[in-house]
């Protein structure tokens, strides 16, 4: 995986040189590994294991990449790789959406409630976002 995203990170690092010309204290691969670990485990940043760079450094890069769209570029690269390995097109051609009927209060305005004919129940519709597996494996 690192070999796939290394060019993106190297390019980003080249465009974001330090004013002092300092290369940085931590390897970019360590930063990426820490971000992937945090995403996988879901811990708070400050509880990253000691073998990763300090959470402040990791979160600094995470914030920069999130704000300038680098994280989306990396996400797209990884998604395309997974889809290609499964014999699918790079971009999904369909998406799965579901709705959920939520029972409304008896005091709710009639204009905002209605009958869900498929589920035969009264209430309001609430859309739920597609799950990640629906986006990546279809």
C-alpha atoms as a PDB file:
ATOM      1  CA  UNK A   1       0.000   0.000   0.000  1.00  0.00           C
ATOM      2  CA  UNK A   2       2.827   2.413   0.830  1.00  0.00           C
ATOM      3  CA  UNK A   3       4.285   2.045  -2.669  1.00  0.00           C
ATOM      4  CA  UNK A   4       0.946   3.125  -4.129  1.00  0.00           C
ATOM      5  CA  UNK A   5       0.614   6.320  -2.094  1.00  0.00           C
ATOM      6  CA  UNK A   6       4.307   7.232  -1.801  1.00  0.00           C
ATOM      7  CA  UNK A   7       4.265   9.415  -4.976  1.00  0.00           C
ATOM      8  CA  UNK A   8       1.319  11.429  -3.622  1.00  0.00           C
ATOM      9  CA  UNK A   9       3.029  12.016  -0.274  1.00  0.00           C
ATOM     10  CA  UNK A  10       6.392  12.795  -1.883  1.00  0.00           C
ATOM     11  CA  UNK A  11       4.773  15.314  -4.223  1.00  0.00           C
ATOM     12  CA  UNK A  12       2.888  16.927  -1.343  1.00  0.00           C
ATOM     13  CA  UNK A  13       6.043  17.132   0.746  1.00  0.00           C
ATOM     14  CA  UNK A  14       7.890  18.748  -2.181  1.00  0.00           C
ATOM     15  CA  UNK A  15       5.226  21.437  -2.478  1.00  0.00           C
ATOM     16  CA  UNK A  16       5.148  22.117   1.277  1.00  0.00           C
ATOM     17  CA  UNK A  17       8.756  22.748   2.191  1.00  0.00           C
ATOM     18  CA  UNK A  18       9.568  24.170   5.594  1.00  0.00           C
ATOM     19  CA  UNK A  19      10.579  27.834   5.643  1.00  0.00           C
ATOM     20  CA  UNK A  20      13.831  26.791   7.310  1.00  0.00           C
ATOM     21  CA  UNK A  21      14.384  24.066   4.711  1.00  0.00           C
ATOM     22  CA  UNK A  22      14.173  21.363   7.390  1.00  0.00           C
ATOM     23  CA  UNK A  23      13.096  17.986   6.004  1.00  0.00           C
ATOM     24  CA  UNK A  24      11.109  17.042   9.091  1.00  0.00           C
ATOM     25  CA  UNK A  25      11.822  14.922  12.099  1.00  0.00           C
ATOM     26  CA  UNK A  26       9.648  11.937  11.152  1.00  0.00           C
ATOM     27  CA  UNK A  27       9.450   9.734   8.099  1.00  0.00           C
ATOM     28  CA  UNK A  28       6.283  10.211   6.075  1.00  0.00           C
ATOM     29  CA  UNK A  29       5.677   6.478   6.113  1.00  0.00           C
ATOM     30  CA  UNK A  30       5.547   6.567   9.933  1.00  0.00           C
ATOM     31  CA  UNK A  31       3.011   9.392   9.758  1.00  0.00           C
ATOM     32  CA  UNK A  32       0.859   7.526   7.221  1.00  0.00           C
ATOM     33  CA  UNK A  33       1.048   4.306   9.263  1.00  0.00           C
ATOM     34  CA  UNK A  34      -0.064   6.185  12.380  1.00  0.00           C
ATOM     35  CA  UNK A  35      -3.003   7.787  10.547  1.00  0.00           C
ATOM     36  CA  UNK A  36      -4.092   4.415   9.154  1.00  0.00           C
ATOM     37  CA  UNK A  37      -3.768   2.870  12.621  1.00  0.00           C
ATOM     38  CA  UNK A  38      -5.905   5.611  14.148  1.00  0.00           C
ATOM     39  CA  UNK A  39      -8.530   5.204  11.414  1.00  0.00           C
ATOM     40  CA  UNK A  40      -8.608   1.427  11.861  1.00  0.00           C
ATOM     41  CA  UNK A  41      -8.715   1.410  15.678  1.00  0.00           C
ATOM     42  CA  UNK A  42     -10.678   4.617  16.228  1.00  0.00           C
ATOM     43  CA  UNK A  43      -8.803   5.791  19.293  1.00  0.00           C
ATOM     44  CA  UNK A  44      -8.301   9.360  20.333  1.00  0.00           C
ATOM     45  CA  UNK A  45      -5.212  10.875  18.767  1.00  0.00           C
ATOM     46  CA  UNK A  46      -3.412  11.329  22.062  1.00  0.00           C
ATOM     47  CA  UNK A  47      -3.523   7.567  22.708  1.00  0.00           C
ATOM     48  CA  UNK A  48      -1.477   6.525  19.686  1.00  0.00           C
ATOM     49  CA  UNK A  49       1.048   3.848  20.718  1.00  0.00           C
ATOM     50  CA  UNK A  50       4.537   5.043  21.636  1.00  0.00           C
ATOM     51  CA  UNK A  51       6.159   3.477  18.564  1.00  0.00           C
ATOM     52  CA  UNK A  52       4.435   6.046  16.325  1.00  0.00           C
ATOM     53  CA  UNK A  53       5.510   9.693  16.111  1.00  0.00           C
ATOM     54  CA  UNK A  54       3.877  12.003  18.687  1.00  0.00           C
ATOM     55  CA  UNK A  55       0.174  12.465  18.128  1.00  0.00           C
ATOM     56  CA  UNK A  56       0.647  16.208  17.620  1.00  0.00           C
ATOM     57  CA  UNK A  57       2.867  15.573  14.594  1.00  0.00           C
ATOM     58  CA  UNK A  58       0.542  12.901  13.203  1.00  0.00           C
ATOM     59  CA  UNK A  59      -2.532  15.080  13.655  1.00  0.00           C
ATOM     60  CA  UNK A  60      -0.742  18.043  12.074  1.00  0.00           C
ATOM     61  CA  UNK A  61      -0.273  16.108   8.819  1.00  0.00           C
ATOM     62  CA  UNK A  62      -3.743  14.592   9.018  1.00  0.00           C
ATOM     63  CA  UNK A  63      -5.250  18.089   9.307  1.00  0.00           C
ATOM     64  CA  UNK A  64      -3.159  19.481   6.463  1.00  0.00           C
ATOM     65  CA  UNK A  65      -4.055  16.577   4.167  1.00  0.00           C
ATOM     66  CA  UNK A  66      -7.735  16.776   5.107  1.00  0.00           C
ATOM     67  CA  UNK A  67      -7.871  20.521   4.456  1.00  0.00           C
ATOM     68  CA  UNK A  68      -6.127  20.471   1.067  1.00  0.00           C
ATOM     69  CA  UNK A  69      -7.753  17.274  -0.265  1.00  0.00           C
ATOM     70  CA  UNK A  70      -4.671  15.038  -0.194  1.00  0.00           C
ATOM     71  CA  UNK A  71      -6.537  12.547   1.993  1.00  0.00           C
ATOM     72  CA  UNK A  72      -9.239  12.262  -0.686  1.00  0.00           C
ATOM     73  CA  UNK A  73      -6.613  11.604  -3.372  1.00  0.00           C
ATOM     74  CA  UNK A  74      -5.141   8.813  -1.227  1.00  0.00           C
ATOM     75  CA  UNK A  75      -8.613   7.423  -0.519  1.00  0.00           C
ATOM     76  CA  UNK A  76      -9.441   7.365  -4.230  1.00  0.00           C
ATOM     77  CA  UNK A  77      -6.171   5.607  -5.081  1.00  0.00           C
ATOM     78  CA  UNK A  78      -6.790   2.910  -2.487  1.00  0.00           C
ATOM     79  CA  UNK A  79     -10.442   2.489  -3.514  1.00  0.00           C
ATOM     80  CA  UNK A  80      -9.460   2.155  -7.173  1.00  0.00           C
ATOM     81  CA  UNK A  81      -6.870  -0.463  -6.279  1.00  0.00           C
ATOM     82  CA  UNK A  82      -9.405  -2.511  -4.310  1.00  0.00           C
ATOM     83  CA  UNK A  83     -12.003  -2.268  -7.067  1.00  0.00           C
ATOM     84  CA  UNK A  84      -9.470  -3.184  -9.753  1.00  0.00           C
ATOM     85  CA  UNK A  85      -8.274  -6.197  -7.763  1.00  0.00           C
ATOM     86  CA  UNK A  86     -11.893  -7.396  -7.637  1.00  0.00           C
ATOM     87  CA  UNK A  87     -12.360  -6.964 -11.378  1.00  0.00           C
ATOM     88  CA  UNK A  88     -14.593  -3.923 -11.105  1.00  0.00           C
ATOM     89  CA  UNK A  89     -14.499  -0.496 -12.725  1.00  0.00           C
ATOM     90  CA  UNK A  90     -12.631   2.276 -10.908  1.00  0.00           C
ATOM     91  CA  UNK A  91     -15.781   4.211 -10.040  1.00  0.00           C
ATOM     92  CA  UNK A  92     -18.996   2.581  -8.861  1.00  0.00           C
ATOM     93  CA  UNK A  93     -21.859   2.838 -11.325  1.00  0.00           C
ATOM     94  CA  UNK A  94     -24.584   2.546  -8.685  1.00  0.00           C
ATOM     95  CA  UNK A  95     -25.061   3.352  -5.034  1.00  0.00           C
ATOM     96  CA  UNK A  96     -27.355   1.802  -2.454  1.00  0.00           C
ATOM     97  CA  UNK A  97     -29.506   4.158  -0.405  1.00  0.00           C
ATOM     98  CA  UNK A  98     -31.964   3.197   2.281  1.00  0.00           C
ATOM     99  CA  UNK A  99     -34.559   5.145   4.190  1.00  0.00           C
ATOM    100  CA  UNK A 100     -35.848   4.636   7.653  1.00  0.00           C
ATOM    101  CA  UNK A 101     -39.265   5.629   8.905  1.00  0.00           C
ATOM    102  CA  UNK A 102     -39.136   7.365  12.260  1.00  0.00           C
ATOM    103  CA  UNK A 103     -42.344   7.598  14.233  1.00  0.00           C
ATOM    104  CA  UNK A 104     -43.234  11.253  14.603  1.00  0.00           C
ATOM    105  CA  UNK A 105     -44.794  12.917  17.590  1.00  0.00           C
ATOM    106  CA  UNK A 106     -48.564  13.296  17.570  1.00  0.00           C
ATOM    107  CA  UNK A 107     -47.930  17.045  17.741  1.00  0.00           C
ATOM    108  CA  UNK A 108     -45.790  17.059  14.569  1.00  0.00           C
ATOM    109  CA  UNK A 109     -47.220  19.071  11.660  1.00  0.00           C
ATOM    110  CA  UNK A 110     -49.113  16.958   9.137  1.00  0.00           C
ATOM    111  CA  UNK A 111     -47.075  18.489   6.303  1.00  0.00           C
ATOM    112  CA  UNK A 112     -43.898  16.858   7.627  1.00  0.00           C
ATOM    113  CA  UNK A 113     -45.286  13.366   8.185  1.00  0.00           C
ATOM    114  CA  UNK A 114     -46.929  10.788   5.996  1.00  0.00           C
ATOM    115  CA  UNK A 115     -47.576   7.133   5.290  1.00  0.00           C
ATOM    116  CA  UNK A 116     -44.724   4.950   4.089  1.00  0.00           C
ATOM    117  CA  UNK A 117     -46.622   2.615   1.742  1.00  0.00           C
ATOM    118  CA  UNK A 118     -43.802   0.086   1.534  1.00  0.00           C
ATOM    119  CA  UNK A 119     -43.566  -0.338   5.282  1.00  0.00           C
ATOM    120  CA  UNK A 120     -47.195   0.598   5.975  1.00  0.00           C
ATOM    121  CA  UNK A 121     -46.295   2.920   8.822  1.00  0.00           C
ATOM    122  CA  UNK A 122     -46.775   6.580   9.614  1.00  0.00           C
ATOM    123  CA  UNK A 123     -43.862   8.863  10.348  1.00  0.00           C
ATOM    124  CA  UNK A 124     -41.010  10.810   8.807  1.00  0.00           C
ATOM    125  CA  UNK A 125     -38.371   9.575   6.390  1.00  0.00           C
ATOM    126  CA  UNK A 126     -34.764   9.642   7.430  1.00  0.00           C
ATOM    127  CA  UNK A 127     -32.124   8.736   4.857  1.00  0.00           C
ATOM    128  CA  UNK A 128     -29.107   6.798   5.971  1.00  0.00           C
ATOM    129  CA  UNK A 129     -25.818   7.136   4.116  1.00  0.00           C
ATOM    130  CA  UNK A 130     -24.525   4.130   2.228  1.00  0.00           C
ATOM    131  CA  UNK A 131     -22.138   1.896   4.077  1.00  0.00           C
ATOM    132  CA  UNK A 132     -18.504   1.758   3.058  1.00  0.00           C
ATOM    133  CA  UNK A 133     -18.817  -1.804   1.803  1.00  0.00           C
ATOM    134  CA  UNK A 134     -21.608  -0.747  -0.526  1.00  0.00           C
ATOM    135  CA  UNK A 135     -19.335   1.849  -2.103  1.00  0.00           C
ATOM    136  CA  UNK A 136     -16.235  -0.270  -2.389  1.00  0.00           C
ATOM    137  CA  UNK A 137     -17.450  -3.728  -3.294  1.00  0.00           C
ATOM    138  CA  UNK A 138     -20.242  -3.051  -5.765  1.00  0.00           C
END
